C-alpha atoms as a PDB file:
ATOM      1  CA  MET A   1      -1.309  32.252  -2.621  1.00  0.00           C
ATOM      2  CA  SER A   2      -4.125  34.575  -1.559  1.00  0.00           C
ATOM      3  CA  LEU A   3      -7.121  33.488  -3.605  1.00  0.00           C
ATOM      4  CA  ASN A   4     -10.776  33.007  -2.732  1.00  0.00           C
ATOM      5  CA  ILE A   5     -11.733  29.730  -4.367  1.00  0.00           C
ATOM      6  CA  ARG A   6     -15.414  29.907  -5.224  1.00  0.00           C
ATOM      7  CA  LYS A   7     -17.869  28.474  -7.702  1.00  0.00           C
ATOM      8  CA  GLY A   8     -17.613  30.132 -11.117  1.00  0.00           C
ATOM      9  CA  LEU A   9     -14.121  31.545 -10.517  1.00  0.00           C
ATOM     10  CA  SER A  10     -12.076  31.708 -13.732  1.00  0.00           C
ATOM     11  CA  LEU A  11      -8.355  31.020 -13.403  1.00  0.00           C
ATOM     12  CA  SER A  12      -5.593  29.085 -15.089  1.00  0.00           C
ATOM     13  CA  ILE A  13      -4.602  25.525 -14.236  1.00  0.00           C
ATOM     14  CA  GLY A  14      -1.276  26.936 -13.091  1.00  0.00           C
ATOM     15  CA  GLU A  15      -2.951  29.328 -10.663  1.00  0.00           C
ATOM     16  CA  LEU A  16      -4.979  26.453  -9.231  1.00  0.00           C
ATOM     17  CA  PHE A  17      -1.765  24.446  -8.820  1.00  0.00           C
ATOM     18  CA  LEU A  18      -0.157  27.321  -6.882  1.00  0.00           C
ATOM     19  CA  TYR A  19      -3.264  27.545  -4.703  1.00  0.00           C
ATOM     20  CA  ILE A  20      -3.082  23.840  -3.886  1.00  0.00           C
ATOM     21  CA  GLN A  21       0.602  24.033  -2.995  1.00  0.00           C
ATOM     22  CA  SER A  22       0.116  27.129  -0.834  1.00  0.00           C
ATOM     23  CA  ASN A  23      -3.070  26.140   0.954  1.00  0.00           C
ATOM     24  CA  ILE A  24      -2.730  22.380   1.422  1.00  0.00           C
ATOM     25  CA  PRO A  25       0.824  22.153   2.787  1.00  0.00           C
ATOM     26  CA  HIS A  26       0.598  18.537   3.951  1.00  0.00           C
ATOM     27  CA  LEU A  27       0.446  17.334   0.335  1.00  0.00           C
ATOM     28  CA  SER A  28       3.646  16.263  -1.379  1.00  0.00           C
ATOM     29  CA  LYS A  29       4.315  17.664  -4.829  1.00  0.00           C
ATOM     30  CA  ALA A  30       3.281  14.331  -6.341  1.00  0.00           C
ATOM     31  CA  ALA A  31      -0.011  14.349  -4.425  1.00  0.00           C
ATOM     32  CA  SER A  32      -0.574  17.990  -5.427  1.00  0.00           C
ATOM     33  CA  ILE A  33      -0.218  17.025  -9.080  1.00  0.00           C
ATOM     34  CA  ASP A  34      -2.597  14.094  -8.520  1.00  0.00           C
ATOM     35  CA  LEU A  35      -5.177  16.455  -7.027  1.00  0.00           C
ATOM     36  CA  LEU A  36      -4.714  18.997  -9.806  1.00  0.00           C
ATOM     37  CA  SER A  37      -5.192  16.279 -12.420  1.00  0.00           C
ATOM     38  CA  PHE A  38      -8.389  15.137 -10.709  1.00  0.00           C
ATOM     39  CA  LEU A  39      -9.826  18.657 -10.334  1.00  0.00           C
ATOM     40  CA  VAL A  40      -9.291  19.705 -13.953  1.00  0.00           C
ATOM     41  CA  ASN A  41      -9.972  16.257 -15.437  1.00  0.00           C
ATOM     42  CA  VAL A  42      -6.675  16.081 -17.312  1.00  0.00           C
ATOM     43  CA  GLU A  43      -4.394  13.033 -17.282  1.00  0.00           C
ATOM     44  CA  ARG A  44      -1.635  13.324 -14.722  1.00  0.00           C
ATOM     45  CA  LYS A  45       1.119  12.911 -17.302  1.00  0.00           C
ATOM     46  CA  SER A  46      -0.252  15.858 -19.299  1.00  0.00           C
ATOM     47  CA  VAL A  47      -1.519  18.300 -16.697  1.00  0.00           C
ATOM     48  CA  LEU A  48       1.744  20.211 -16.126  1.00  0.00           C
ATOM     49  CA  ALA A  49       1.929  20.949 -19.848  1.00  0.00           C
ATOM     50  CA  LYS A  50      -1.432  22.717 -19.639  1.00  0.00           C
ATOM     51  CA  LEU A  51      -0.775  25.181 -16.811  1.00  0.00           C
ATOM     52  CA  LYS A  52      -1.719  28.208 -18.942  1.00  0.00           C
ATOM     53  CA  GLU A  53      -5.108  26.824 -19.918  1.00  0.00           C
ATOM     54  CA  PRO A  54      -8.161  28.517 -18.323  1.00  0.00           C
ATOM     55  CA  ILE A  55     -10.697  26.657 -16.180  1.00  0.00           C
ATOM     56  CA  LEU A  56     -13.842  27.435 -14.199  1.00  0.00           C
ATOM     57  CA  ILE A  57     -14.100  26.289 -10.591  1.00  0.00           C
ATOM     58  CA  ASP A  58     -17.197  24.175 -10.019  1.00  0.00           C
ATOM     59  CA  GLU A  59     -18.837  22.784  -6.892  1.00  0.00           C
ATOM     60  CA  ARG A  60     -17.085  19.416  -7.281  1.00  0.00           C
ATOM     61  CA  ALA A  61     -13.702  21.142  -7.163  1.00  0.00           C
ATOM     62  CA  ILE A  62     -14.636  23.199  -4.074  1.00  0.00           C
ATOM     63  CA  ASN A  63     -15.903  20.142  -2.180  1.00  0.00           C
ATOM     64  CA  SER A  64     -12.842  18.107  -3.138  1.00  0.00           C
ATOM     65  CA  ILE A  65     -10.424  20.810  -2.027  1.00  0.00           C
ATOM     66  CA  GLU A  66     -12.176  21.151   1.334  1.00  0.00           C
ATOM     67  CA  LEU A  67     -12.037  17.396   1.882  1.00  0.00           C
ATOM     68  CA  VAL A  68      -8.313  17.236   1.101  1.00  0.00           C
ATOM     69  CA  LYS A  69      -7.625  20.181   3.419  1.00  0.00           C
ATOM     70  CA  LYS A  70      -9.100  18.044   6.219  1.00  0.00           C
ATOM     71  CA  GLY A  71      -6.731  15.202   5.355  1.00  0.00           C
ATOM     72  CA  TYR A  72      -8.903  13.128   3.036  1.00  0.00           C
ATOM     73  CA  PRO A  73      -6.527  11.176   0.765  1.00  0.00           C
ATOM     74  CA  VAL A  74      -6.258  12.322  -2.824  1.00  0.00           C
ATOM     75  CA  SER A  75      -5.969   8.683  -3.894  1.00  0.00           C
ATOM     76  CA  TYR A  76      -9.456   7.989  -2.548  1.00  0.00           C
ATOM     77  CA  LEU A  77     -10.810  10.915  -4.545  1.00  0.00           C
ATOM     78  CA  ARG A  78      -9.153   9.630  -7.700  1.00  0.00           C
ATOM     79  CA  LYS A  79      -9.921   5.972  -6.895  1.00  0.00           C
ATOM     80  CA  ASN A  80      -6.395   5.319  -8.091  1.00  0.00           C
ATOM     81  CA  HIS A  81      -2.878   5.043  -6.703  1.00  0.00           C
ATOM     82  CA  GLU A  82       0.459   4.250  -8.321  1.00  0.00           C
ATOM     83  CA  PHE A  83       2.618   1.617  -6.646  1.00  0.00           C
ATOM     84  CA  PHE A  84       5.841   0.108  -8.012  1.00  0.00           C
ATOM     85  CA  GLY A  85       5.059   1.673 -11.386  1.00  0.00           C
ATOM     86  CA  TYR A  86       1.586   0.110 -11.634  1.00  0.00           C
ATOM     87  CA  GLU A  87      -1.846   1.662 -11.240  1.00  0.00           C
ATOM     88  CA  PHE A  88      -4.185   0.269  -8.585  1.00  0.00           C
ATOM     89  CA  TYR A  89      -7.812   0.937  -7.802  1.00  0.00           C
ATOM     90  CA  VAL A  90      -8.191   2.048  -4.172  1.00  0.00           C
ATOM     91  CA  ASP A  91     -11.045   3.290  -2.036  1.00  0.00           C
ATOM     92  CA  GLU A  92     -11.888   3.553   1.663  1.00  0.00           C
ATOM     93  CA  ASN A  93     -11.945  -0.228   2.016  1.00  0.00           C
ATOM     94  CA  VAL A  94      -8.185  -0.625   1.587  1.00  0.00           C
ATOM     95  CA  LEU A  95      -5.016   0.941   2.890  1.00  0.00           C
ATOM     96  CA  ILE A  96      -3.339   3.280   0.422  1.00  0.00           C
ATOM     97  CA  PRO A  97      -0.060   1.637  -0.677  1.00  0.00           C
ATOM     98  CA  ARG A  98       2.984   3.403   0.761  1.00  0.00           C
ATOM     99  CA  VAL A  99       6.236   4.079  -1.023  1.00  0.00           C
ATOM    100  CA  GLU A 100       8.021   2.313   1.847  1.00  0.00           C
ATOM    101  CA  THR A 101       6.224  -0.898   0.900  1.00  0.00           C
ATOM    102  CA  GLU A 102       7.950  -0.801  -2.470  1.00  0.00           C
ATOM    103  CA  VAL A 103      11.134  -1.669  -0.565  1.00  0.00           C
ATOM    104  CA  LEU A 104       9.572  -5.019   0.352  1.00  0.00           C
ATOM    105  CA  VAL A 105       8.747  -5.781  -3.290  1.00  0.00           C
ATOM    106  CA  GLU A 106      12.233  -4.725  -4.373  1.00  0.00           C
ATOM    107  CA  GLU A 107      13.811  -6.976  -1.751  1.00  0.00           C
ATOM    108  CA  VAL A 108      11.795  -9.992  -2.862  1.00  0.00           C
ATOM    109  CA  LEU A 109      12.845  -9.447  -6.472  1.00  0.00           C
ATOM    110  CA  LYS A 110      16.502  -9.124  -5.471  1.00  0.00           C
ATOM    111  CA  ASN A 111      16.378 -12.597  -3.944  1.00  0.00           C
ATOM    112  CA  VAL A 112      14.669 -14.581  -6.700  1.00  0.00           C
ATOM    113  CA  HIS A 113      15.243 -15.566 -10.319  1.00  0.00           C
ATOM    114  CA  LYS A 114      12.780 -13.879 -12.652  1.00  0.00           C
ATOM    115  CA  ASP A 115      12.140 -16.911 -14.858  1.00  0.00           C
ATOM    116  CA  LYS A 116      11.697 -19.497 -12.108  1.00  0.00           C
ATOM    117  CA  GLU A 117       8.321 -20.637 -10.855  1.00  0.00           C
ATOM    118  CA  TYR A 118       7.472 -19.624  -7.296  1.00  0.00           C
ATOM    119  CA  LYS A 119       4.460 -20.177  -5.095  1.00  0.00           C
ATOM    120  CA  ILE A 120       3.759 -16.907  -3.285  1.00  0.00           C
ATOM    121  CA  LEU A 121       1.562 -16.252  -0.252  1.00  0.00           C
ATOM    122  CA  ASP A 122       0.663 -12.631   0.525  1.00  0.00           C
ATOM    123  CA  ILE A 123      -0.827 -12.170   3.989  1.00  0.00           C
ATOM    124  CA  CYS A 124      -3.064  -9.126   4.693  1.00  0.00           C
ATOM    125  CA  THR A 125      -3.175  -8.506   0.952  1.00  0.00           C
ATOM    126  CA  GLY A 126      -5.481  -5.449   1.043  1.00  0.00           C
ATOM    127  CA  SER A 127      -5.525  -3.904  -2.434  1.00  0.00           C
ATOM    128  CA  GLY A 128      -3.312  -6.726  -3.688  1.00  0.00           C
ATOM    129  CA  CYS A 129      -0.505  -4.327  -4.574  1.00  0.00           C
ATOM    130  CA  ILE A 130       2.340  -6.515  -3.246  1.00  0.00           C
ATOM    131  CA  LEU A 131       1.116  -9.758  -4.782  1.00  0.00           C
ATOM    132  CA  ILE A 132       0.255  -8.174  -8.120  1.00  0.00           C
ATOM    133  CA  SER A 133       3.567  -6.293  -8.370  1.00  0.00           C
ATOM    134  CA  LEU A 134       5.431  -9.559  -7.752  1.00  0.00           C
ATOM    135  CA  LEU A 135       3.384 -11.516 -10.287  1.00  0.00           C
ATOM    136  CA  LYS A 136       3.937  -8.803 -12.903  1.00  0.00           C
ATOM    137  CA  ASN A 137       7.685  -9.270 -12.458  1.00  0.00           C
ATOM    138  CA  LEU A 138       7.682 -13.066 -12.059  1.00  0.00           C
ATOM    139  CA  PRO A 139       5.776 -14.274 -15.127  1.00  0.00           C
ATOM    140  CA  ASN A 140       6.028 -18.002 -14.326  1.00  0.00           C
ATOM    141  CA  SER A 141       4.874 -17.709 -10.728  1.00  0.00           C
ATOM    142  CA  PHE A 142       1.463 -17.770  -9.088  1.00  0.00           C
ATOM    143  CA  GLY A 143       0.245 -16.534  -5.750  1.00  0.00           C
ATOM    144  CA  VAL A 144      -2.502 -16.389  -3.148  1.00  0.00           C
ATOM    145  CA  GLY A 145      -3.533 -13.251  -1.291  1.00  0.00           C
ATOM    146  CA  ILE A 146      -5.380 -13.641   1.998  1.00  0.00           C
ATOM    147  CA  ASP A 147      -7.281 -11.077   4.026  1.00  0.00           C
ATOM    148  CA  ILE A 148      -9.809 -11.199   6.833  1.00  0.00           C
ATOM    149  CA  ASP A 149     -11.721  -8.277   5.299  1.00  0.00           C
ATOM    150  CA  PHE A 150     -13.971  -9.403   2.443  1.00  0.00           C
ATOM    151  CA  LYS A 151     -14.454  -5.800   1.305  1.00  0.00           C
ATOM    152  CA  ALA A 152     -10.708  -5.464   0.830  1.00  0.00           C
ATOM    153  CA  LEU A 153     -10.630  -8.691  -1.162  1.00  0.00           C
ATOM    154  CA  LYS A 154     -13.235  -7.300  -3.553  1.00  0.00           C
ATOM    155  CA  ILE A 155     -10.803  -4.457  -4.290  1.00  0.00           C
ATOM    156  CA  ALA A 156      -7.927  -6.916  -4.689  1.00  0.00           C
ATOM    157  CA  ARG A 157     -10.058  -8.884  -7.169  1.00  0.00           C
ATOM    158  CA  LEU A 158     -10.682  -5.718  -9.199  1.00  0.00           C
ATOM    159  CA  ASN A 159      -6.934  -5.098  -9.324  1.00  0.00           C
ATOM    160  CA  ILE A 160      -6.125  -8.681 -10.302  1.00  0.00           C
ATOM    161  CA  GLU A 161      -8.571  -8.333 -13.183  1.00  0.00           C
ATOM    162  CA  LYS A 162      -7.203  -4.882 -14.059  1.00  0.00           C
ATOM    163  CA  HIS A 163      -3.754  -6.429 -14.510  1.00  0.00           C
ATOM    164  CA  SER A 164      -5.045  -9.572 -16.278  1.00  0.00           C
ATOM    165  CA  LEU A 165      -3.730 -11.942 -13.616  1.00  0.00           C
ATOM    166  CA  GLU A 166      -6.863 -14.034 -13.052  1.00  0.00           C
ATOM    167  CA  ASN A 167      -4.993 -17.234 -13.985  1.00  0.00           C
ATOM    168  CA  ARG A 168      -2.120 -16.655 -11.555  1.00  0.00           C
ATOM    169  CA  GLY A 169      -3.500 -14.567  -8.685  1.00  0.00           C
ATOM    170  CA  PHE A 170      -6.008 -16.069  -6.246  1.00  0.00           C
ATOM    171  CA  LEU A 171      -7.700 -14.783  -3.096  1.00  0.00           C
ATOM    172  CA  VAL A 172      -8.853 -16.364   0.156  1.00  0.00           C
ATOM    173  CA  ASN A 173     -10.993 -14.726   2.815  1.00  0.00           C
ATOM    174  CA  THR A 174      -9.577 -15.932   6.135  1.00  0.00           C
ATOM    175  CA  ASP A 175      -7.987 -14.869   9.411  1.00  0.00           C
ATOM    176  CA  ALA A 176      -4.184 -14.694   9.185  1.00  0.00           C
ATOM    177  CA  PHE A 177      -3.853 -16.302  12.611  1.00  0.00           C
ATOM    178  CA  TYR A 178      -5.384 -19.538  11.272  1.00  0.00           C
ATOM    179  CA  ILE A 179      -3.854 -19.751   7.805  1.00  0.00           C
ATOM    180  CA  ASP A 180      -1.880 -22.870   8.669  1.00  0.00           C
ATOM    181  CA  LYS A 181      -5.272 -24.629   8.732  1.00  0.00           C
ATOM    182  CA  CYS A 182      -6.151 -23.369   5.227  1.00  0.00           C
ATOM    183  CA  PHE A 183      -3.334 -24.716   3.083  1.00  0.00           C
ATOM    184  CA  ASN A 184      -1.842 -28.176   2.619  1.00  0.00           C
ATOM    185  CA  THR A 185       1.070 -26.848   0.581  1.00  0.00           C
ATOM    186  CA  ARG A 186       4.234 -24.912   1.350  1.00  0.00           C
ATOM    187  CA  PHE A 187       5.168 -21.641  -0.304  1.00  0.00           C
ATOM    188  CA  ASP A 188       8.503 -20.454  -1.700  1.00  0.00           C
ATOM    189  CA  ILE A 189       7.871 -16.818  -0.821  1.00  0.00           C
ATOM    190  CA  ILE A 190       5.652 -15.361   1.886  1.00  0.00           C
ATOM    191  CA  THR A 191       5.025 -11.623   2.211  1.00  0.00           C
ATOM    192  CA  MET A 192       3.128  -9.766   4.897  1.00  0.00           C
ATOM    193  CA  ASN A 193       2.286  -6.124   5.516  1.00  0.00           C
ATOM    194  CA  PRO A 194       0.151  -6.467   8.646  1.00  0.00           C
ATOM    195  CA  PRO A 195      -1.469  -3.898  10.919  1.00  0.00           C
ATOM    196  CA  TYR A 196       1.357  -2.607  13.119  1.00  0.00           C
ATOM    197  CA  VAL A 197       0.158   0.702  14.544  1.00  0.00           C
ATOM    198  CA  SER A 198      -0.595   0.692  18.262  1.00  0.00           C
ATOM    199  CA  ARG A 199      -3.539   2.797  19.353  1.00  0.00           C
ATOM    200  CA  ASN A 200      -1.297   4.077  22.139  1.00  0.00           C
ATOM    201  CA  SER A 201       1.329   5.443  19.733  1.00  0.00           C
ATOM    202  CA  ASN A 202       1.669   8.903  18.219  1.00  0.00           C
ATOM    203  CA  TYR A 203       0.313   8.288  14.753  1.00  0.00           C
ATOM    204  CA  SER A 204      -0.593  10.798  12.056  1.00  0.00           C
ATOM    205  CA  SER A 205      -4.143  12.111  12.102  1.00  0.00           C
ATOM    206  CA  PHE A 206      -4.187  11.799   8.301  1.00  0.00           C
ATOM    207  CA  ILE A 207      -4.690   8.015   8.522  1.00  0.00           C
ATOM    208  CA  LYS A 208      -8.129   8.504  10.073  1.00  0.00           C
ATOM    209  CA  TYR A 209      -9.834   7.988   6.710  1.00  0.00           C
ATOM    210  CA  GLU A 210      -8.171   4.611   6.086  1.00  0.00           C
ATOM    211  CA  PRO A 211      -9.630   1.297   7.329  1.00  0.00           C
ATOM    212  CA  GLU A 212      -8.812   0.691  10.981  1.00  0.00           C
ATOM    213  CA  ILE A 213      -8.588  -3.058  10.453  1.00  0.00           C
ATOM    214  CA  ALA A 214      -5.593  -2.536   8.129  1.00  0.00           C
ATOM    215  CA  LEU A 215      -3.768  -0.215  10.523  1.00  0.00           C
ATOM    216  CA  PHE A 216      -4.316  -0.881  14.205  1.00  0.00           C
ATOM    217  CA  THR A 217      -3.328  -3.848  16.363  1.00  0.00           C
ATOM    218  CA  GLY A 218      -4.689  -2.843  19.736  1.00  0.00           C
ATOM    219  CA  ASP A 219      -2.167  -2.346  22.531  1.00  0.00           C
ATOM    220  CA  ASP A 220       0.539  -4.710  21.213  1.00  0.00           C
ATOM    221  CA  ASP A 221       2.004  -3.453  17.949  1.00  0.00           C
ATOM    222  CA  LEU A 222       3.982  -6.705  17.504  1.00  0.00           C
ATOM    223  CA  ILE A 223       1.062  -9.105  17.880  1.00  0.00           C
ATOM    224  CA  PHE A 224       1.052 -10.194  14.207  1.00  0.00           C
ATOM    225  CA  TYR A 225       4.790 -10.877  14.157  1.00  0.00           C
ATOM    226  CA  LYS A 226       4.632 -12.851  17.397  1.00  0.00           C
ATOM    227  CA  LYS A 227       1.808 -15.068  16.177  1.00  0.00           C
ATOM    228  CA  MET A 228       3.367 -15.556  12.734  1.00  0.00           C
ATOM    229  CA  LEU A 229       6.522 -16.864  14.418  1.00  0.00           C
ATOM    230  CA  PHE A 230       4.673 -20.103  15.237  1.00  0.00           C
ATOM    231  CA  ILE A 231       2.701 -20.346  11.990  1.00  0.00           C
ATOM    232  CA  LEU A 232       4.844 -19.470   9.007  1.00  0.00           C
ATOM    233  CA  ASP A 233       7.544 -22.097   9.396  1.00  0.00           C
ATOM    234  CA  LYS A 234       4.744 -24.604   8.670  1.00  0.00           C
ATOM    235  CA  LEU A 235       3.785 -22.785   5.475  1.00  0.00           C
ATOM    236  CA  CYS A 236       7.176 -21.797   4.096  1.00  0.00           C
ATOM    237  CA  LYS A 237       9.417 -24.281   2.318  1.00  0.00           C
ATOM    238  CA  ARG A 238      12.773 -25.085   3.835  1.00  0.00           C
ATOM    239  CA  ASP A 239      15.170 -22.354   2.614  1.00  0.00           C
ATOM    240  CA  GLY A 240      12.148 -20.333   1.536  1.00  0.00           C
ATOM    241  CA  LEU A 241      11.953 -16.623   2.291  1.00  0.00           C
ATOM    242  CA  ILE A 242       9.476 -14.610   4.357  1.00  0.00           C
ATOM    243  CA  PHE A 243       9.307 -10.826   4.021  1.00  0.00           C
ATOM    244  CA  PHE A 244       7.558  -8.635   6.604  1.00  0.00           C
ATOM    245  CA  GLU A 245       6.979  -4.915   6.462  1.00  0.00           C
ATOM    246  CA  ILE A 246       7.611  -3.514   9.947  1.00  0.00           C
ATOM    247  CA  GLY A 247       7.196  -0.221  11.778  1.00  0.00           C
ATOM    248  CA  PHE A 248      10.124   2.204  11.745  1.00  0.00           C
ATOM    249  CA  ASP A 249      10.796   1.647  15.462  1.00  0.00           C
ATOM    250  CA  GLN A 250      10.215  -2.110  15.745  1.00  0.00           C
ATOM    251  CA  SER A 251      13.430  -3.748  14.513  1.00  0.00           C
ATOM    252  CA  GLU A 252      15.233  -3.965  17.869  1.00  0.00           C
ATOM    253  CA  ARG A 253      12.228  -5.534  19.586  1.00  0.00           C
ATOM    254  CA  LEU A 254      11.704  -7.934  16.684  1.00  0.00           C
ATOM    255  CA  LYS A 255      15.326  -9.065  16.949  1.00  0.00           C
ATOM    256  CA  LEU A 256      14.439 -10.362  20.406  1.00  0.00           C
ATOM    257  CA  VAL A 257      11.204 -12.000  19.264  1.00  0.00           C
ATOM    258  CA  TYR A 258      12.993 -13.729  16.356  1.00  0.00           C
ATOM    259  CA  LYS A 259      16.295 -14.324  18.158  1.00  0.00           C
ATOM    260  CA  ASP A 260      16.350 -18.023  17.237  1.00  0.00           C
ATOM    261  CA  LYS A 261      15.536 -17.389  13.559  1.00  0.00           C
ATOM    262  CA  ASN A 262      17.685 -16.372  10.609  1.00  0.00           C
ATOM    263  CA  VAL A 263      16.487 -12.797  10.108  1.00  0.00           C
ATOM    264  CA  ARG A 264      17.938  -9.585   8.725  1.00  0.00           C
ATOM    265  CA  PHE A 265      16.596  -6.061   8.221  1.00  0.00           C
ATOM    266  CA  VAL A 266      16.431  -3.811   5.155  1.00  0.00           C
ATOM    267  CA  GLU A 267      16.251  -0.025   5.305  1.00  0.00           C
ATOM    268  CA  ASP A 268      13.684   2.062   3.444  1.00  0.00           C
ATOM    269  CA  TYR A 269      14.412   5.199   1.430  1.00  0.00           C
ATOM    270  CA  PHE A 270      14.462   7.249   4.635  1.00  0.00           C
ATOM    271  CA  GLY A 271      17.003   5.113   6.484  1.00  0.00           C
ATOM    272  CA  ASN A 272      14.488   3.283   8.677  1.00  0.00           C
ATOM    273  CA  LYS A 273      14.612  -0.493   9.043  1.00  0.00           C
ATOM    274  CA  ARG A 274      11.392  -1.246   7.221  1.00  0.00           C
ATOM    275  CA  VAL A 275      11.568  -4.866   6.018  1.00  0.00           C
ATOM    276  CA  MET A 276      12.428  -7.979   8.006  1.00  0.00           C
ATOM    277  CA  VAL A 277      13.584 -10.965   5.955  1.00  0.00           C
ATOM    278  CA  TRP A 278      13.367 -14.428   7.504  1.00  0.00           C
ATOM    279  CA  LYS A 279      15.064 -17.365   5.774  1.00  0.00           C
ATOM    280  CA  ASN A 280      13.249 -20.450   6.922  1.00  0.00           C
END
């Protein structure tokens, strides 16, 4: 759409939506609606019903559009992201939850009984989206989220409070490689979505605004999985389950690393092996 977005421009919400779709092609339709909702200050669920309503472009809208054109995540603008049907506060201190990660949560829930009590450990918890989504669906369970980044844990705490889980969701600031020294109990369920992007790989430039500590592993993209191999069997109950999110191209190499363990792989919505399940 050929339109010169400038301060004071009068147009309809629908025209702004067409501009976003035409001029910011890397956004999905869902992200375009999120941006539209943010720019016109209308709830996401209502904004498409108001496409004929007039608006005036202000400086905030211009600055926001320019940021998003450069790849700045809409979720950071909104300070909000939906994951597994729940709303989470997010900012530059945490990774934005991916739809692929929902596969991990789904797989956990397929392998448990909703009304039973489970002790859950979520490693590299970030925003807390995995732990919180599990606790929302397992009302008799409790869990601990750990992260080396204290700033991320502050966001996870906000989300635990947002979902009224203070009595069942707890946080520990520690290094994942030493967690076997932190707990004198064993867990029924362990989940982990670690950094697994190698700096030597061809990764999207759009992740440049997200925290490096949550994304990059250095030269060895399997370092977390290799170290967890010798740690998690001490923390997981016998016959307990461990769920890892993995990179789309890592399953064959992880089969070799975990060749002596009882593991299987689960595909994401795009046909990539995205979750590794280890029965201890």
